[in-house]
Protein backbone atom coordinates (compact mmCIF):
# COMPACT_ATOMS: atom_id res chain seq x y z
CA THR A 1 166.59 83.23 63.97
CA SER A 2 165.51 79.86 63.05
CA TYR A 3 162.22 81.55 62.50
CA PRO A 4 162.43 85.00 60.98
CA ASP A 5 158.86 85.62 60.73
CA LEU A 6 158.51 85.49 64.01
CA GLU A 7 162.05 88.62 64.39
CA ASN A 8 159.12 91.59 63.80
CA TYR A 9 157.09 90.38 66.71
CA LEU A 10 159.30 89.24 69.29
CA SER A 11 162.18 92.71 68.58
CA PRO A 12 159.66 94.89 71.30
CA PHE A 13 159.73 92.25 73.50
CA MET A 14 164.00 90.97 73.24
CA ASP A 15 164.01 95.56 72.86
CA ALA A 16 163.20 95.07 76.05
CA TRP A 17 164.35 92.69 77.99
CA LEU A 18 168.08 93.73 76.93
CA GLY A 19 166.84 97.20 78.04
CA GLY A 20 166.64 95.76 81.57
CA ALA A 21 162.55 95.57 81.55
CA ALA A 22 162.69 92.09 82.65
CA ASP A 23 159.48 93.40 85.37
CA GLN A 24 157.65 94.82 83.50
CA LEU A 25 157.91 92.18 80.68
CA MET A 26 157.18 89.33 82.88
CA GLY A 27 153.70 91.16 84.08
CA GLN A 28 152.75 92.32 80.88
CA ILE A 29 153.24 87.80 80.22
CA ALA A 30 150.89 87.65 83.42
CA SER A 31 148.42 89.97 82.47
CA ALA A 32 148.00 88.53 78.49
CA LYS A 33 147.87 84.60 80.36
CA ILE A 34 144.66 85.94 82.04
CA PRO A 35 142.83 86.02 79.07
CA LEU A 36 144.14 83.48 77.05
CA SER A 37 143.24 80.77 79.44
CA ARG A 38 139.69 81.57 79.33
CA MET A 39 140.37 81.33 75.77
CA ILE A 40 140.93 77.77 75.91
CA SER A 41 139.10 76.00 78.41
CA PRO A 42 135.84 74.86 77.65
């Protein structure tokens, strides 16, 4: 990749994506967006 430092962080997500777990990944991403948006908003 263009960003080798990110490769270790992204590999579990890529493995899940390639393994056909797209629905599960979407749920996990949605769950992470909620607390992240709370941290961003004042």
